[in-house]
């Protein structure tokens, strides 16, 4: 299975999607208009190892809600990701049992190599 969770209004996500083209056979899920289910977040966690690894501490809501001053558990990270899409570190790219989380150059390059071997 090949799937990319992304935010359509995010210029970084748009740039990475362009770099990954062609996206034949890749299912795209725009997380603002099509929210993630608990099962999808659980699947991402199973591949990445933790909910924290999927969580974006750069989200504006992270500081607005005072979360940077709290000790968060794995359960908290999961609930926050499900509560608001901005808490997902994006894009999340799934390629045949592999997961690539975030927008670093290295991550994007590894995802491209997995999509186009």
N, C-alpha and C. Protein backbone atom coordinates (compact mmCIF):
# COMPACT_ATOMS: atom_id res chain seq x y z
N UNK A 1 0.83 -1.18 0.00
CA UNK A 1 0.00 0.00 0.00
C UNK A 1 0.88 1.25 0.00
N UNK A 2 0.48 2.20 -0.79
CA UNK A 2 1.19 3.48 -0.86
C UNK A 2 0.20 4.58 -0.55
N UNK A 3 0.49 5.36 0.50
CA UNK A 3 -0.44 6.40 0.92
C UNK A 3 0.33 7.57 1.49
N UNK A 4 -0.19 8.77 1.23
CA UNK A 4 0.42 9.98 1.76
C UNK A 4 -0.65 10.80 2.47
N UNK A 5 -0.40 11.09 3.75
CA UNK A 5 -1.24 11.99 4.52
C UNK A 5 -0.59 13.36 4.44
N UNK A 6 -1.35 14.36 3.98
CA UNK A 6 -0.76 15.68 3.77
C UNK A 6 -1.80 16.76 4.03
N UNK A 7 -1.35 18.00 4.06
CA UNK A 7 -2.23 19.15 4.22
C UNK A 7 -2.14 19.97 2.95
N UNK A 8 -3.27 20.13 2.27
CA UNK A 8 -3.30 20.81 0.98
C UNK A 8 -2.84 22.26 1.03
N UNK A 9 -3.06 22.93 2.14
CA UNK A 9 -2.68 24.34 2.25
C UNK A 9 -1.24 24.54 2.71
N UNK A 10 -0.52 23.46 2.95
CA UNK A 10 0.86 23.55 3.43
C UNK A 10 1.82 23.57 2.24
N UNK A 11 2.55 24.67 2.08
CA UNK A 11 3.46 24.80 0.93
C UNK A 11 4.57 23.75 0.98
N UNK A 12 5.00 23.36 2.17
CA UNK A 12 6.05 22.34 2.29
C UNK A 12 5.52 20.99 1.80
N UNK A 13 4.29 20.64 2.19
CA UNK A 13 3.69 19.39 1.71
C UNK A 13 3.56 19.42 0.19
N UNK A 14 3.11 20.55 -0.37
CA UNK A 14 2.96 20.67 -1.82
C UNK A 14 4.30 20.47 -2.52
N UNK A 15 5.36 21.07 -1.97
CA UNK A 15 6.69 20.95 -2.57
C UNK A 15 7.15 19.49 -2.55
N UNK A 16 6.96 18.82 -1.41
CA UNK A 16 7.39 17.42 -1.30
C UNK A 16 6.58 16.53 -2.24
N UNK A 17 5.29 16.76 -2.35
CA UNK A 17 4.47 15.97 -3.29
C UNK A 17 4.98 16.13 -4.71
N UNK A 18 5.37 17.35 -5.10
CA UNK A 18 5.93 17.58 -6.43
C UNK A 18 7.23 16.80 -6.62
N UNK A 19 8.08 16.78 -5.57
CA UNK A 19 9.35 16.06 -5.64
C UNK A 19 9.13 14.56 -5.79
N UNK A 20 8.01 14.05 -5.25
CA UNK A 20 7.75 12.60 -5.25
C UNK A 20 7.07 12.12 -6.53
N UNK A 21 6.68 13.03 -7.40
CA UNK A 21 5.99 12.63 -8.63
C UNK A 21 6.87 11.74 -9.49
N UNK A 22 6.28 10.84 -10.27
CA UNK A 22 4.85 10.61 -10.44
C UNK A 22 4.27 9.84 -9.25
N UNK A 23 3.02 10.11 -8.91
CA UNK A 23 2.36 9.48 -7.77
C UNK A 23 1.33 8.44 -8.21
N UNK A 24 1.67 7.72 -9.27
CA UNK A 24 0.78 6.66 -9.77
C UNK A 24 0.62 5.59 -8.69
N UNK A 25 -0.62 5.22 -8.42
CA UNK A 25 -0.89 4.16 -7.45
C UNK A 25 -0.74 4.59 -6.01
N UNK A 26 -0.58 5.89 -5.76
CA UNK A 26 -0.45 6.40 -4.41
C UNK A 26 -1.75 7.06 -4.01
N UNK A 27 -2.29 6.64 -2.87
CA UNK A 27 -3.52 7.25 -2.36
C UNK A 27 -3.14 8.48 -1.54
N UNK A 28 -3.74 9.62 -1.88
CA UNK A 28 -3.49 10.86 -1.14
C UNK A 28 -4.66 11.13 -0.21
N UNK A 29 -4.36 11.47 1.04
CA UNK A 29 -5.42 11.85 1.97
C UNK A 29 -5.11 13.23 2.52
N UNK A 30 -5.96 14.19 2.17
CA UNK A 30 -5.81 15.56 2.64
C UNK A 30 -6.47 15.61 4.01
N UNK A 31 -5.66 15.77 5.06
CA UNK A 31 -6.13 15.53 6.43
C UNK A 31 -7.07 16.60 6.99
N UNK A 32 -7.16 17.75 6.35
CA UNK A 32 -8.11 18.76 6.82
C UNK A 32 -9.52 18.42 6.32
N UNK A 33 -9.64 18.08 5.05
CA UNK A 33 -10.95 17.78 4.48
C UNK A 33 -11.38 16.33 4.73
N UNK A 34 -10.43 15.44 4.96
CA UNK A 34 -10.72 14.02 5.23
C UNK A 34 -9.94 13.60 6.48
N UNK A 35 -10.51 13.89 7.68
CA UNK A 35 -9.78 13.61 8.92
C UNK A 35 -9.36 12.15 9.06
N UNK A 36 -8.26 11.96 9.75
CA UNK A 36 -7.73 10.62 9.98
C UNK A 36 -8.59 9.89 11.01
N UNK A 37 -8.69 8.59 10.86
CA UNK A 37 -9.42 7.78 11.84
C UNK A 37 -8.43 7.29 12.90
N UNK A 38 -8.97 6.82 14.02
CA UNK A 38 -8.12 6.26 15.07
C UNK A 38 -7.33 5.07 14.52
N UNK A 39 -7.96 4.27 13.68
CA UNK A 39 -7.29 3.10 13.10
C UNK A 39 -6.10 3.53 12.23
N UNK A 40 -6.26 4.61 11.47
CA UNK A 40 -5.16 5.10 10.63
C UNK A 40 -4.00 5.60 11.49
N UNK A 41 -4.32 6.33 12.56
CA UNK A 41 -3.27 6.82 13.46
C UNK A 41 -2.58 5.65 14.16
N UNK A 42 -3.35 4.64 14.53
CA UNK A 42 -2.77 3.44 15.15
C UNK A 42 -1.82 2.73 14.19
N UNK A 43 -2.21 2.67 12.91
CA UNK A 43 -1.37 2.03 11.89
C UNK A 43 -0.04 2.80 11.75
N UNK A 44 -0.13 4.13 11.73
CA UNK A 44 1.09 4.95 11.65
C UNK A 44 1.97 4.72 12.86
N UNK A 45 1.35 4.64 14.04
CA UNK A 45 2.11 4.42 15.28
C UNK A 45 2.81 3.06 15.25
N UNK A 46 2.11 2.04 14.74
CA UNK A 46 2.69 0.70 14.68
C UNK A 46 3.96 0.71 13.82
N UNK A 47 3.94 1.50 12.74
CA UNK A 47 5.10 1.56 11.85
C UNK A 47 6.21 2.47 12.38
N UNK A 48 5.82 3.55 13.06
CA UNK A 48 6.83 4.52 13.52
C UNK A 48 7.37 4.22 14.91
N UNK A 49 6.61 3.45 15.70
CA UNK A 49 7.09 3.10 17.03
C UNK A 49 6.47 3.90 18.17
N UNK A 50 5.97 5.10 17.89
CA UNK A 50 5.34 5.88 18.96
C UNK A 50 4.45 6.96 18.37
N UNK A 51 3.51 7.40 19.18
CA UNK A 51 2.66 8.53 18.77
C UNK A 51 3.49 9.82 18.80
N UNK A 52 4.43 9.89 19.74
CA UNK A 52 5.25 11.09 19.85
C UNK A 52 6.03 11.35 18.57
N UNK A 53 6.49 10.28 17.90
CA UNK A 53 7.24 10.46 16.65
C UNK A 53 6.38 11.03 15.53
N UNK A 54 5.05 10.93 15.67
CA UNK A 54 4.12 11.46 14.68
C UNK A 54 3.66 12.87 15.02
N UNK A 55 4.02 13.34 16.21
CA UNK A 55 3.48 14.58 16.76
C UNK A 55 4.36 15.77 16.40
N UNK A 56 3.73 16.84 15.95
CA UNK A 56 4.46 18.05 15.58
C UNK A 56 4.44 19.04 16.74
N UNK A 57 5.60 19.26 17.32
CA UNK A 57 5.71 20.25 18.40
C UNK A 57 5.86 21.65 17.82
N UNK A 58 5.87 21.76 16.51
CA UNK A 58 5.92 23.06 15.84
C UNK A 58 4.53 23.65 15.61
N UNK A 59 3.49 22.85 15.82
CA UNK A 59 2.12 23.32 15.61
C UNK A 59 1.85 24.53 16.50
N UNK A 60 1.20 25.55 15.93
CA UNK A 60 0.92 26.77 16.71
C UNK A 60 0.07 26.45 17.94
N UNK A 61 -0.84 25.49 17.82
CA UNK A 61 -1.69 25.13 18.95
C UNK A 61 -0.89 24.54 20.11
N UNK A 62 0.27 23.98 19.82
CA UNK A 62 1.10 23.35 20.85
C UNK A 62 1.44 24.37 21.94
N UNK A 63 1.87 25.55 21.53
CA UNK A 63 2.20 26.60 22.49
C UNK A 63 0.94 27.30 22.99
N UNK A 64 -0.02 27.54 22.10
CA UNK A 64 -1.25 28.24 22.50
C UNK A 64 -1.98 27.50 23.62
N UNK A 65 -1.96 26.18 23.58
CA UNK A 65 -2.64 25.39 24.60
C UNK A 65 -1.75 25.14 25.82
N UNK A 66 -0.52 25.66 25.79
CA UNK A 66 0.39 25.48 26.91
C UNK A 66 0.93 24.07 27.03
N UNK A 67 0.87 23.31 25.93
CA UNK A 67 1.30 21.90 25.98
C UNK A 67 2.82 21.78 26.15
N UNK A 68 3.56 22.82 25.75
CA UNK A 68 5.02 22.79 25.89
C UNK A 68 5.44 22.80 27.36
N UNK A 69 4.52 23.12 28.26
CA UNK A 69 4.83 23.15 29.69
C UNK A 69 4.36 21.89 30.40
N UNK A 70 3.78 20.95 29.67
CA UNK A 70 3.22 19.73 30.27
C UNK A 70 4.03 18.51 29.86
N UNK A 71 3.94 17.49 30.69
CA UNK A 71 4.54 16.19 30.39
C UNK A 71 3.45 15.37 29.69
N UNK A 72 3.62 15.10 28.40
CA UNK A 72 2.59 14.40 27.64
C UNK A 72 2.88 12.90 27.56
N UNK A 73 1.82 12.09 27.67
CA UNK A 73 1.96 10.64 27.53
C UNK A 73 1.67 10.24 26.09
N UNK A 74 1.93 8.99 25.77
CA UNK A 74 1.61 8.48 24.43
C UNK A 74 0.10 8.64 24.15
N UNK A 75 -0.72 8.40 25.18
CA UNK A 75 -2.18 8.54 25.04
C UNK A 75 -2.52 10.00 24.71
N UNK A 76 -1.85 10.95 25.38
CA UNK A 76 -2.09 12.37 25.09
C UNK A 76 -1.74 12.70 23.65
N UNK A 77 -0.58 12.21 23.18
CA UNK A 77 -0.17 12.49 21.79
C UNK A 77 -1.21 11.96 20.81
N UNK A 78 -1.69 10.74 21.03
CA UNK A 78 -2.68 10.15 20.13
C UNK A 78 -3.96 11.00 20.12
N UNK A 79 -4.46 11.35 21.30
CA UNK A 79 -5.70 12.12 21.39
C UNK A 79 -5.55 13.49 20.72
N UNK A 80 -4.40 14.13 20.90
CA UNK A 80 -4.19 15.44 20.29
C UNK A 80 -4.13 15.34 18.77
N UNK A 81 -3.45 14.32 18.25
CA UNK A 81 -3.37 14.13 16.79
C UNK A 81 -4.78 13.92 16.21
N UNK A 82 -5.60 13.14 16.93
CA UNK A 82 -6.97 12.89 16.46
C UNK A 82 -7.86 14.12 16.63
N UNK A 83 -7.57 14.92 17.64
CA UNK A 83 -8.37 16.11 17.93
C UNK A 83 -8.18 17.19 16.87
N UNK A 84 -6.92 17.39 16.44
CA UNK A 84 -6.67 18.46 15.46
C UNK A 84 -5.55 18.06 14.52
N UNK A 85 -5.82 18.15 13.22
CA UNK A 85 -4.88 17.70 12.19
C UNK A 85 -3.52 18.40 12.24
N UNK A 86 -3.45 19.62 12.78
CA UNK A 86 -2.16 20.33 12.78
C UNK A 86 -1.14 19.66 13.68
N UNK A 87 -1.58 18.77 14.56
CA UNK A 87 -0.64 18.10 15.45
C UNK A 87 0.09 16.93 14.77
N UNK A 88 -0.32 16.57 13.56
CA UNK A 88 0.39 15.51 12.84
C UNK A 88 1.60 16.11 12.14
N UNK A 89 2.76 15.51 12.38
CA UNK A 89 3.98 15.93 11.68
C UNK A 89 3.81 15.48 10.23
N UNK A 90 3.88 16.43 9.29
CA UNK A 90 3.53 16.08 7.92
C UNK A 90 4.66 16.37 6.95
N UNK A 91 4.57 15.74 5.80
CA UNK A 91 3.62 14.69 5.44
C UNK A 91 4.02 13.35 6.08
N UNK A 92 3.06 12.43 6.12
CA UNK A 92 3.34 11.06 6.53
C UNK A 92 3.16 10.21 5.28
N UNK A 93 4.21 9.49 4.94
CA UNK A 93 4.22 8.71 3.70
C UNK A 93 4.38 7.23 4.06
N UNK A 94 3.41 6.42 3.63
CA UNK A 94 3.46 4.98 3.85
C UNK A 94 3.75 4.30 2.52
N UNK A 95 4.78 3.45 2.51
CA UNK A 95 5.14 2.73 1.29
C UNK A 95 5.43 1.27 1.66
N UNK A 96 4.47 0.41 1.36
CA UNK A 96 4.66 -1.03 1.55
C UNK A 96 5.30 -1.38 2.88
N UNK A 97 4.68 -0.96 3.97
CA UNK A 97 5.18 -1.32 5.30
C UNK A 97 6.26 -0.42 5.86
N UNK A 98 6.68 0.58 5.09
CA UNK A 98 7.66 1.55 5.58
C UNK A 98 6.92 2.86 5.86
N UNK A 99 7.47 3.65 6.79
CA UNK A 99 6.85 4.94 7.09
C UNK A 99 7.91 6.03 7.05
N UNK A 100 7.53 7.18 6.50
CA UNK A 100 8.42 8.34 6.42
C UNK A 100 7.61 9.51 6.99
N UNK A 101 8.11 10.10 8.08
CA UNK A 101 7.37 11.13 8.79
C UNK A 101 8.14 12.44 8.77
N UNK A 102 7.46 13.50 8.35
CA UNK A 102 8.07 14.82 8.40
C UNK A 102 8.61 15.29 7.07
N UNK A 103 9.24 16.46 7.12
CA UNK A 103 9.61 17.12 5.87
C UNK A 103 11.11 17.39 5.72
N UNK A 104 11.94 16.67 6.46
CA UNK A 104 13.37 16.89 6.29
C UNK A 104 13.79 16.41 4.90
N UNK A 105 14.87 16.99 4.38
CA UNK A 105 15.36 16.60 3.05
C UNK A 105 15.67 15.10 3.01
N UNK A 106 16.28 14.59 4.08
CA UNK A 106 16.66 13.18 4.15
C UNK A 106 15.41 12.29 4.10
N UNK A 107 14.39 12.64 4.86
CA UNK A 107 13.15 11.86 4.89
C UNK A 107 12.48 11.88 3.51
N UNK A 108 12.40 13.04 2.90
CA UNK A 108 11.78 13.16 1.57
C UNK A 108 12.54 12.33 0.54
N UNK A 109 13.87 12.35 0.61
CA UNK A 109 14.69 11.60 -0.33
C UNK A 109 14.48 10.08 -0.13
N UNK A 110 14.46 9.64 1.13
CA UNK A 110 14.23 8.21 1.42
C UNK A 110 12.86 7.77 0.92
N UNK A 111 11.85 8.62 1.09
CA UNK A 111 10.50 8.30 0.62
C UNK A 111 10.48 8.19 -0.90
N UNK A 112 11.17 9.11 -1.56
CA UNK A 112 11.23 9.09 -3.03
C UNK A 112 11.87 7.80 -3.51
N UNK A 113 12.97 7.39 -2.85
CA UNK A 113 13.64 6.14 -3.25
C UNK A 113 12.76 4.93 -3.02
N UNK A 114 11.95 4.96 -1.96
CA UNK A 114 11.03 3.83 -1.69
C UNK A 114 9.89 3.80 -2.71
N UNK A 115 9.41 4.98 -3.10
CA UNK A 115 8.32 5.04 -4.09
C UNK A 115 8.78 4.70 -5.49
N UNK A 116 10.02 5.05 -5.81
CA UNK A 116 10.55 4.85 -7.17
C UNK A 116 11.88 4.11 -7.11
N UNK A 117 11.81 2.81 -6.78
CA UNK A 117 13.07 2.04 -6.63
C UNK A 117 13.82 1.87 -7.95
